[in-house]
Each structure stands twice: as C-alpha cells, then as structure tokens.
Amino acid sequence: MSGPMIRTCHLSFPGRQGPLAFDYFEPSERHVAAILNGTTYPEIPDIGPVETVVDVGANVGAASVMFAARYPSATVHAFEPGPMPRAVLERNVAAVGRIRVHPFGLHDHDATVRLYRSSWDPMSASIESSSENGGEFDEISLRTAAEALDREGIGSVDVLKIDTEGCEVPILVSLGERARRARLVYLEYHSEADRRLIDQLLAPSHILAGGAVRHAHRGDLCYVANGLPFAERMAVHAIQRAQTGA
C-alpha cells in the first residue's frame, strides 16, 4: 500500500543562500502553510533572547523550521516518534543545522505504545484509536517528559510547543516548572476538558494571549509568561477597559 503523496515547497531562510526545500504530505498542505506563515503559532514581540525551543509532536518539522527562522540563535529540539513523518522531518531539517531530532515521544510515563496512523492526514496520528484512524499503527517509544529533557541535557525552555493529538495535558504536567517558566507556550487542545485543564495549569504563570477554536473540542492556544512586556500591556489594557466600562 502506497503512502500519501509528498509535495515540496521552497522557503527563504535567514542566513542561507538560495531556498530551503521543505517536504510535506499533500493532505497536510493547508495546515503546514498556516504553520510556516506564522498563523498557527503567532510571533509575540519583546520576549528577549531565545536559546532553546522544544517542539513536541514535530511531525514533518514545519514548526521546527519556522521557529529556527524566527529565533536565529536558538537550538530547536524536535520530538517525533512516528517513523513516517520523522523520515521527512530529518530531511527537512538537515540543512538548517540548529534542529535536533529526537526519535521518541513525550508523556508522563515511559511506555511502548501503538501510534495509530490517521486514515486521512499523517499529521493526525494518535495513540488513541478512533474513527479518524485506520487499522495501521507503528509501535513507538514514549518517555517521561521531564526525565527525557534531563537526559538530553535540555535545561530551561524559552519557547514550548506541544501538539500531540490528545497527550498535551500529561506532557505539560510532567514538564512542571520548565513549562511554567517558558516565555511562550503554544498548544493544540483536543477536548473541552483538556482546554480547561491547560488553562488551569498555566493561569498562575501565563496569560492566554491568543488562540483559534476550530470547533468545540479542538483549537490552538498561545500563552505568554507574566512579566513579559506583552503580558504587562495586556494587563494595563484590561484595567483601562474595566475603568471605562468598555
């Protein structure tokens, strides 16, 4: 059985002569384009120097490449357990040099599990079997998030992105203080219960700066750490609106 068709686009990349070839699966085209153009993970100004980006659920590397271009001094750690997207990921990031690929997933425990392939889009593989997945699967390794970062020598995280088809909450809990100290946290949520839990976990340390609800149980969220200029401006605007009744 043949896999989904792979297409190639060409990206301009800071400091590079000539375009960077980027491969992606055809069914993911719109999603990849939204990531590469900064729509899915919008840029937040004035966050200071970024040295470490952690991309959990990197798939073919659209977010990893976009973050590497956005933060030219950063090392990007791309975690992707699925063998099919990881093969494309490794090709896409080879010429960048600042993106490290880790061939396993993160969770709140160590395990070997089935990763069910999506029946329509390789970006939507999940460890939960559902009507969106076919019968095919790959056995993958999951590692406890905090311990895995320790073993890989990853200390503080400046920018954290998690898109893991329903595993976001346990990963966030495992990362603990690293997540609470991250200046930016981007997540995709996959249930209303998860959205509420994510907000509860991050509310003491971050403000919700933006997001998109694709339907009642799925969307993208962007959190900014308290104390950053963006968060302070939002707090001032909230006070002003409250005072004026606007």
C-alpha atoms as a PDB file:
ATOM      1  CA  MET A   1       0.000   0.000   0.000  1.00  0.00           C
ATOM      2  CA  SER A   2       1.483   3.319  -1.069  1.00  0.00           C
ATOM      3  CA  GLY A   3       1.703   6.213   1.363  1.00  0.00           C
ATOM      4  CA  PRO A   4       0.337   9.738   0.929  1.00  0.00           C
ATOM      5  CA  MET A   5       1.857  11.866  -1.798  1.00  0.00           C
ATOM      6  CA  ILE A   6       4.735  14.106  -0.749  1.00  0.00           C
ATOM      7  CA  ARG A   7       4.962  17.634  -2.102  1.00  0.00           C
ATOM      8  CA  THR A   8       7.808  20.131  -1.850  1.00  0.00           C
ATOM      9  CA  CYS A   9       7.778  23.866  -1.279  1.00  0.00           C
ATOM     10  CA  HIS A  10      10.769  26.219  -1.152  1.00  0.00           C
ATOM     11  CA  LEU A  11      11.320  28.604   1.742  1.00  0.00           C
ATOM     12  CA  SER A  12      13.584  31.572   2.208  1.00  0.00           C
ATOM     13  CA  PHE A  13      15.650  31.052   5.353  1.00  0.00           C
ATOM     14  CA  PRO A  14      17.733  33.689   7.203  1.00  0.00           C
ATOM     15  CA  GLY A  15      21.450  33.427   6.528  1.00  0.00           C
ATOM     16  CA  ARG A  16      21.023  30.883   3.762  1.00  0.00           C
ATOM     17  CA  GLN A  17      21.852  31.426   0.115  1.00  0.00           C
ATOM     18  CA  GLY A  18      19.070  30.043  -2.008  1.00  0.00           C
ATOM     19  CA  PRO A  19      15.776  28.496  -0.925  1.00  0.00           C
ATOM     20  CA  LEU A  20      15.318  25.702   1.593  1.00  0.00           C
ATOM     21  CA  ALA A  21      13.426  22.707   0.198  1.00  0.00           C
ATOM     22  CA  PHE A  22      10.642  21.570   2.541  1.00  0.00           C
ATOM     23  CA  ASP A  23       8.693  18.331   2.025  1.00  0.00           C
ATOM     24  CA  TYR A  24       5.217  17.681   3.402  1.00  0.00           C
ATOM     25  CA  PHE A  25       2.327  15.270   2.937  1.00  0.00           C
ATOM     26  CA  GLU A  26      -0.254  16.503   0.460  1.00  0.00           C
ATOM     27  CA  PRO A  27      -3.280  16.157   2.813  1.00  0.00           C
ATOM     28  CA  SER A  28      -1.467  18.425   5.326  1.00  0.00           C
ATOM     29  CA  GLU A  29      -0.869  21.283   2.879  1.00  0.00           C
ATOM     30  CA  ARG A  30      -3.174  23.876   4.454  1.00  0.00           C
ATOM     31  CA  HIS A  31      -2.039  23.051   7.974  1.00  0.00           C
ATOM     32  CA  VAL A  32       1.648  23.199   7.021  1.00  0.00           C
ATOM     33  CA  ALA A  33       1.143  26.522   5.231  1.00  0.00           C
ATOM     34  CA  ALA A  34      -0.550  28.035   8.300  1.00  0.00           C
ATOM     35  CA  ILE A  35       2.384  26.977  10.478  1.00  0.00           C
ATOM     36  CA  LEU A  36       5.089  28.195   8.095  1.00  0.00           C
ATOM     37  CA  ASN A  37       3.462  31.611   7.600  1.00  0.00           C
ATOM     38  CA  GLY A  38       3.129  32.190  11.363  1.00  0.00           C
ATOM     39  CA  THR A  39      -0.651  31.948  11.615  1.00  0.00           C
ATOM     40  CA  THR A  40      -0.870  28.872  13.851  1.00  0.00           C
ATOM     41  CA  TYR A  41       1.958  29.982  16.154  1.00  0.00           C
ATOM     42  CA  PRO A  42       1.909  33.799  16.014  1.00  0.00           C
ATOM     43  CA  GLU A  43       5.049  35.745  16.838  1.00  0.00           C
ATOM     44  CA  ILE A  44       4.983  37.605  20.161  1.00  0.00           C
ATOM     45  CA  PRO A  45       7.292  40.637  20.312  1.00  0.00           C
ATOM     46  CA  ASP A  46       9.730  41.619  23.066  1.00  0.00           C
ATOM     47  CA  ILE A  47      10.277  38.220  24.673  1.00  0.00           C
ATOM     48  CA  GLY A  48      14.054  38.550  24.937  1.00  0.00           C
ATOM     49  CA  PRO A  49      16.739  36.237  23.549  1.00  0.00           C
ATOM     50  CA  VAL A  50      15.571  32.713  22.750  1.00  0.00           C
ATOM     51  CA  GLU A  51      18.148  29.966  23.196  1.00  0.00           C
ATOM     52  CA  THR A  52      16.011  26.825  23.478  1.00  0.00           C
ATOM     53  CA  VAL A  53      12.829  25.815  21.675  1.00  0.00           C
ATOM     54  CA  VAL A  54      11.131  22.477  22.385  1.00  0.00           C
ATOM     55  CA  ASP A  55       8.769  21.199  19.693  1.00  0.00           C
ATOM     56  CA  VAL A  56       6.800  18.202  20.977  1.00  0.00           C
ATOM     57  CA  GLY A  57       4.980  16.448  18.174  1.00  0.00           C
ATOM     58  CA  ALA A  58       7.163  17.900  15.432  1.00  0.00           C
ATOM     59  CA  ASN A  59       5.737  15.774  12.604  1.00  0.00           C
ATOM     60  CA  VAL A  60       7.493  16.813   9.359  1.00  0.00           C
ATOM     61  CA  GLY A  61       9.091  19.854  11.012  1.00  0.00           C
ATOM     62  CA  ALA A  62       7.034  22.849   9.877  1.00  0.00           C
ATOM     63  CA  ALA A  63       7.027  24.415  13.358  1.00  0.00           C
ATOM     64  CA  SER A  64      10.663  23.488  13.998  1.00  0.00           C
ATOM     65  CA  VAL A  65      11.823  25.172  10.786  1.00  0.00           C
ATOM     66  CA  MET A  66       9.601  28.200  11.404  1.00  0.00           C
ATOM     67  CA  PHE A  67      10.941  28.615  14.965  1.00  0.00           C
ATOM     68  CA  ALA A  68      14.543  28.197  13.775  1.00  0.00           C
ATOM     69  CA  ALA A  69      13.984  31.001  11.264  1.00  0.00           C
ATOM     70  CA  ARG A  70      12.194  33.208  13.814  1.00  0.00           C
ATOM     71  CA  TYR A  71      14.857  32.740  16.509  1.00  0.00           C
ATOM     72  CA  PRO A  72      18.219  32.594  14.684  1.00  0.00           C
ATOM     73  CA  SER A  73      20.255  31.947  17.862  1.00  0.00           C
ATOM     74  CA  ALA A  74      18.075  29.128  19.169  1.00  0.00           C
ATOM     75  CA  THR A  75      18.572  25.384  19.256  1.00  0.00           C
ATOM     76  CA  VAL A  76      15.300  23.644  18.397  1.00  0.00           C
ATOM     77  CA  HIS A  77      14.602  20.196  19.878  1.00  0.00           C
ATOM     78  CA  ALA A  78      12.104  18.330  17.693  1.00  0.00           C
ATOM     79  CA  PHE A  79      10.431  15.288  19.292  1.00  0.00           C
ATOM     80  CA  GLU A  80       8.692  12.989  16.811  1.00  0.00           C
ATOM     81  CA  PRO A  81       8.003   9.278  17.471  1.00  0.00           C
ATOM     82  CA  GLY A  82       6.244   8.416  14.201  1.00  0.00           C
ATOM     83  CA  PRO A  83       8.678   6.802  11.725  1.00  0.00           C
ATOM     84  CA  MET A  84       6.926   8.032   8.575  1.00  0.00           C
ATOM     85  CA  PRO A  85       6.773  11.770   9.419  1.00  0.00           C
ATOM     86  CA  ARG A  86      10.153  11.583  11.167  1.00  0.00           C
ATOM     87  CA  ALA A  87      11.856  10.458   7.959  1.00  0.00           C
ATOM     88  CA  VAL A  88      10.516  13.593   6.258  1.00  0.00           C
ATOM     89  CA  LEU A  89      11.394  15.718   9.299  1.00  0.00           C
ATOM     90  CA  GLU A  90      15.014  14.594   9.187  1.00  0.00           C
ATOM     91  CA  ARG A  91      15.275  15.539   5.511  1.00  0.00           C
ATOM     92  CA  ASN A  92      13.661  18.920   6.096  1.00  0.00           C
ATOM     93  CA  VAL A  93      15.946  19.991   8.944  1.00  0.00           C
ATOM     94  CA  ALA A  94      19.255  18.531   7.725  1.00  0.00           C
ATOM     95  CA  ALA A  95      20.315  21.770   6.040  1.00  0.00           C
ATOM     96  CA  VAL A  96      19.331  24.017   8.965  1.00  0.00           C
ATOM     97  CA  GLY A  97      21.870  22.725  11.479  1.00  0.00           C
ATOM     98  CA  ARG A  98      20.254  24.017  14.670  1.00  0.00           C
ATOM     99  CA  ILE A  99      17.422  21.490  14.875  1.00  0.00           C
ATOM    100  CA  ARG A 100      17.986  18.284  16.839  1.00  0.00           C
ATOM    101  CA  VAL A 101      15.596  15.428  16.110  1.00  0.00           C
ATOM    102  CA  HIS A 102      14.655  13.108  18.999  1.00  0.00           C
ATOM    103  CA  PRO A 103      13.056   9.832  17.760  1.00  0.00           C
ATOM    104  CA  PHE A 104      10.568   9.321  20.587  1.00  0.00           C
ATOM    105  CA  GLY A 105       7.500  10.927  22.095  1.00  0.00           C
ATOM    106  CA  LEU A 106       6.958  12.543  25.482  1.00  0.00           C
ATOM    107  CA  HIS A 107       4.316  11.735  28.105  1.00  0.00           C
ATOM    108  CA  ASP A 108       4.067  11.491  31.912  1.00  0.00           C
ATOM    109  CA  HIS A 109       5.484   7.932  31.949  1.00  0.00           C
ATOM    110  CA  ASP A 110       7.757   5.632  29.948  1.00  0.00           C
ATOM    111  CA  ALA A 111       5.954   3.213  27.633  1.00  0.00           C
ATOM    112  CA  THR A 112       5.934   1.437  24.310  1.00  0.00           C
ATOM    113  CA  VAL A 113       2.567   2.028  22.665  1.00  0.00           C
ATOM    114  CA  ARG A 114       0.772   1.855  19.354  1.00  0.00           C
ATOM    115  CA  LEU A 115       0.667   5.057  17.300  1.00  0.00           C
ATOM    116  CA  TYR A 116      -2.390   4.707  15.061  1.00  0.00           C
ATOM    117  CA  ARG A 117      -1.979   6.197  11.615  1.00  0.00           C
ATOM    118  CA  SER A 118      -4.623   8.658  10.551  1.00  0.00           C
ATOM    119  CA  SER A 119      -6.858   7.498   7.724  1.00  0.00           C
ATOM    120  CA  TRP A 120      -6.688  10.926   6.077  1.00  0.00           C
ATOM    121  CA  ASP A 121      -3.709  13.017   7.257  1.00  0.00           C
ATOM    122  CA  PRO A 122      -0.314  11.808   8.575  1.00  0.00           C
ATOM    123  CA  MET A 123      -0.218  14.863  10.860  1.00  0.00           C
ATOM    124  CA  SER A 124      -3.087  13.378  12.902  1.00  0.00           C
ATOM    125  CA  ALA A 125      -1.648  10.067  14.093  1.00  0.00           C
ATOM    126  CA  SER A 126      -2.646   9.308  17.682  1.00  0.00           C
ATOM    127  CA  ILE A 127      -2.010   6.802  20.440  1.00  0.00           C
ATOM    128  CA  GLU A 128      -5.789   6.691  20.901  1.00  0.00           C
ATOM    129  CA  SER A 129      -7.701   4.546  18.430  1.00  0.00           C
ATOM    130  CA  SER A 130     -10.672   6.438  16.994  1.00  0.00           C
ATOM    131  CA  SER A 131     -12.893   6.763  13.945  1.00  0.00           C
ATOM    132  CA  GLU A 132     -10.290   9.126  12.449  1.00  0.00           C
ATOM    133  CA  ASN A 133      -7.607   6.417  12.473  1.00  0.00           C
ATOM    134  CA  GLY A 134      -7.247   3.368  10.296  1.00  0.00           C
ATOM    135  CA  GLY A 135      -6.141  -0.057  11.460  1.00  0.00           C
ATOM    136  CA  GLU A 136      -2.463   0.536  10.710  1.00  0.00           C
ATOM    137  CA  PHE A 137      -0.127   1.509  13.501  1.00  0.00           C
ATOM    138  CA  ASP A 138       3.539   1.846  14.460  1.00  0.00           C
ATOM    139  CA  GLU A 139       4.999   0.859  17.803  1.00  0.00           C
ATOM    140  CA  ILE A 140       6.661   3.904  19.326  1.00  0.00           C
ATOM    141  CA  SER A 141       8.553   4.824  22.464  1.00  0.00           C
ATOM    142  CA  LEU A 142       7.210   7.374  24.933  1.00  0.00           C
ATOM    143  CA  ARG A 143       9.408   8.834  27.659  1.00  0.00           C
ATOM    144  CA  THR A 144       8.609  10.791  30.785  1.00  0.00           C
ATOM    145  CA  ALA A 145       8.917  14.384  29.598  1.00  0.00           C
ATOM    146  CA  ALA A 146      10.916  15.926  32.453  1.00  0.00           C
ATOM    147  CA  GLU A 147      13.300  12.981  32.700  1.00  0.00           C
ATOM    148  CA  ALA A 148      13.795  12.866  28.924  1.00  0.00           C
ATOM    149  CA  LEU A 149      14.774  16.535  28.811  1.00  0.00           C
ATOM    150  CA  ASP A 150      17.201  15.939  31.688  1.00  0.00           C
ATOM    151  CA  ARG A 151      18.819  13.048  29.815  1.00  0.00           C
ATOM    152  CA  GLU A 152      19.086  15.109  26.638  1.00  0.00           C
ATOM    153  CA  GLY A 153      20.755  17.961  28.516  1.00  0.00           C
ATOM    154  CA  ILE A 154      17.864  20.374  27.959  1.00  0.00           C
ATOM    155  CA  GLY A 155      17.589  22.776  30.878  1.00  0.00           C
ATOM    156  CA  SER A 156      15.283  25.770  30.756  1.00  0.00           C
ATOM    157  CA  VAL A 157      12.915  26.108  27.809  1.00  0.00           C
ATOM    158  CA  ASP A 158      12.226  29.529  26.302  1.00  0.00           C
ATOM    159  CA  VAL A 159       9.551  28.507  23.770  1.00  0.00           C
ATOM    160  CA  LEU A 160       7.464  25.356  24.184  1.00  0.00           C
ATOM    161  CA  LYS A 161       5.130  23.942  21.553  1.00  0.00           C
ATOM    162  CA  ILE A 162       3.012  20.814  22.152  1.00  0.00           C
ATOM    163  CA  ASP A 163       0.767  19.236  19.528  1.00  0.00           C
ATOM    164  CA  THR A 164       0.361  15.562  20.361  1.00  0.00           C
ATOM    165  CA  GLU A 165      -3.216  14.648  19.448  1.00  0.00           C
ATOM    166  CA  GLY A 166      -4.562  14.476  22.995  1.00  0.00           C
ATOM    167  CA  CYS A 167      -1.438  13.980  25.144  1.00  0.00           C
ATOM    168  CA  GLU A 168      -0.847  17.671  25.826  1.00  0.00           C
ATOM    169  CA  VAL A 169      -2.020  17.708  29.453  1.00  0.00           C
ATOM    170  CA  PRO A 170       0.145  14.834  30.794  1.00  0.00           C
ATOM    171  CA  ILE A 171       3.191  16.276  28.987  1.00  0.00           C
ATOM    172  CA  LEU A 172       2.520  19.720  30.447  1.00  0.00           C
ATOM    173  CA  VAL A 173       2.163  18.232  33.933  1.00  0.00           C
ATOM    174  CA  SER A 174       5.388  16.226  33.584  1.00  0.00           C
ATOM    175  CA  LEU A 175       7.360  19.251  32.392  1.00  0.00           C
ATOM    176  CA  GLY A 176       6.263  21.081  35.521  1.00  0.00           C
ATOM    177  CA  GLU A 177       8.493  24.053  36.303  1.00  0.00           C
ATOM    178  CA  ARG A 178      10.017  24.056  32.809  1.00  0.00           C
ATOM    179  CA  ALA A 179       6.581  24.747  31.339  1.00  0.00           C
ATOM    180  CA  ARG A 180       5.740  27.346  33.980  1.00  0.00           C
ATOM    181  CA  ARG A 181       8.982  29.210  33.247  1.00  0.00           C
ATOM    182  CA  ALA A 182       8.711  29.065  29.449  1.00  0.00           C
ATOM    183  CA  ARG A 183       8.192  32.514  27.984  1.00  0.00           C
ATOM    184  CA  LEU A 184       5.846  31.246  25.294  1.00  0.00           C
ATOM    185  CA  VAL A 185       3.725  28.109  25.299  1.00  0.00           C
ATOM    186  CA  TYR A 186       1.846  27.038  22.188  1.00  0.00           C
ATOM    187  CA  LEU A 187      -0.561  24.088  22.435  1.00  0.00           C
ATOM    188  CA  GLU A 188      -3.235  22.348  20.463  1.00  0.00           C
ATOM    189  CA  TYR A 189      -6.090  21.012  22.595  1.00  0.00           C
ATOM    190  CA  HIS A 190      -8.314  18.098  21.632  1.00  0.00           C
ATOM    191  CA  SER A 191     -11.201  18.278  24.102  1.00  0.00           C
ATOM    192  CA  GLU A 192     -13.026  20.933  26.075  1.00  0.00           C
ATOM    193  CA  ALA A 193     -11.907  19.238  29.293  1.00  0.00           C
ATOM    194  CA  ASP A 194      -8.273  19.477  28.179  1.00  0.00           C
ATOM    195  CA  ARG A 195      -8.678  23.159  27.281  1.00  0.00           C
ATOM    196  CA  ARG A 196      -9.910  23.898  30.784  1.00  0.00           C
ATOM    197  CA  LEU A 197      -7.114  21.871  32.395  1.00  0.00           C
ATOM    198  CA  ILE A 198      -4.443  23.576  30.286  1.00  0.00           C
ATOM    199  CA  ASP A 199      -5.745  26.983  31.329  1.00  0.00           C
ATOM    200  CA  GLN A 200      -5.822  25.917  34.975  1.00  0.00           C
ATOM    201  CA  LEU A 201      -2.224  24.667  34.801  1.00  0.00           C
ATOM    202  CA  LEU A 202      -0.839  27.774  33.096  1.00  0.00           C
ATOM    203  CA  ALA A 203      -3.026  30.541  34.586  1.00  0.00           C
ATOM    204  CA  PRO A 204      -0.720  31.188  37.598  1.00  0.00           C
ATOM    205  CA  SER A 205       2.311  31.810  35.375  1.00  0.00           C
ATOM    206  CA  HIS A 206       0.955  32.913  31.980  1.00  0.00           C
ATOM    207  CA  ILE A 207      -1.820  34.825  30.266  1.00  0.00           C
ATOM    208  CA  LEU A 208      -3.774  33.472  27.359  1.00  0.00           C
ATOM    209  CA  ALA A 209      -2.612  35.755  24.551  1.00  0.00           C
ATOM    210  CA  GLY A 210      -4.429  34.261  21.595  1.00  0.00           C
ATOM    211  CA  GLY A 211      -5.950  31.224  20.044  1.00  0.00           C
ATOM    212  CA  ALA A 212      -8.243  29.773  17.440  1.00  0.00           C
ATOM    213  CA  VAL A 213     -11.204  27.477  18.079  1.00  0.00           C
ATOM    214  CA  ARG A 214     -11.626  25.161  15.105  1.00  0.00           C
ATOM    215  CA  HIS A 215     -14.647  23.514  16.667  1.00  0.00           C
ATOM    216  CA  ALA A 216     -15.960  22.913  20.189  1.00  0.00           C
ATOM    217  CA  HIS A 217     -13.307  20.362  21.096  1.00  0.00           C
ATOM    218  CA  ARG A 218     -10.233  21.411  19.128  1.00  0.00           C
ATOM    219  CA  GLY A 219      -8.164  24.542  18.735  1.00  0.00           C
ATOM    220  CA  ASP A 220      -4.802  26.259  19.193  1.00  0.00           C
ATOM    221  CA  LEU A 221      -3.707  28.296  22.216  1.00  0.00           C
ATOM    222  CA  CYS A 222      -0.857  30.742  22.802  1.00  0.00           C
ATOM    223  CA  TYR A 223       0.239  31.606  26.351  1.00  0.00           C
ATOM    224  CA  VAL A 224       2.682  34.377  27.285  1.00  0.00           C
ATOM    225  CA  ALA A 225       4.570  34.435  30.592  1.00  0.00           C
ATOM    226  CA  ASN A 226       3.598  37.023  33.188  1.00  0.00           C
ATOM    227  CA  GLY A 227       6.128  39.835  33.416  1.00  0.00           C
ATOM    228  CA  LEU A 228       6.918  39.996  29.716  1.00  0.00           C
ATOM    229  CA  PRO A 229       6.097  43.351  28.054  1.00  0.00           C
ATOM    230  CA  PHE A 230       3.248  41.803  26.062  1.00  0.00           C
ATOM    231  CA  ALA A 231       1.584  40.429  29.193  1.00  0.00           C
ATOM    232  CA  GLU A 232       2.043  43.721  31.042  1.00  0.00           C
ATOM    233  CA  ARG A 233       0.482  45.674  28.169  1.00  0.00           C
ATOM    234  CA  MET A 234      -2.490  43.320  28.156  1.00  0.00           C
ATOM    235  CA  ALA A 235      -2.907  43.790  31.921  1.00  0.00           C
ATOM    236  CA  VAL A 236      -2.883  47.577  31.526  1.00  0.00           C
ATOM    237  CA  HIS A 237      -5.431  47.388  28.709  1.00  0.00           C
ATOM    238  CA  ALA A 238      -7.674  45.184  30.857  1.00  0.00           C
ATOM    239  CA  ILE A 239      -7.570  47.701  33.712  1.00  0.00           C
ATOM    240  CA  GLN A 240      -8.310  50.573  31.345  1.00  0.00           C
ATOM    241  CA  ARG A 241     -11.255  48.751  29.822  1.00  0.00           C
ATOM    242  CA  ALA A 242     -12.610  47.953  33.274  1.00  0.00           C
ATOM    243  CA  GLN A 243     -12.338  51.590  34.332  1.00  0.00           C
ATOM    244  CA  THR A 244     -14.039  52.921  31.225  1.00  0.00           C
ATOM    245  CA  GLY A 245     -16.630  50.163  31.069  1.00  0.00           C
ATOM    246  CA  ALA A 246     -15.622  49.389  27.512  1.00  0.00           C
END
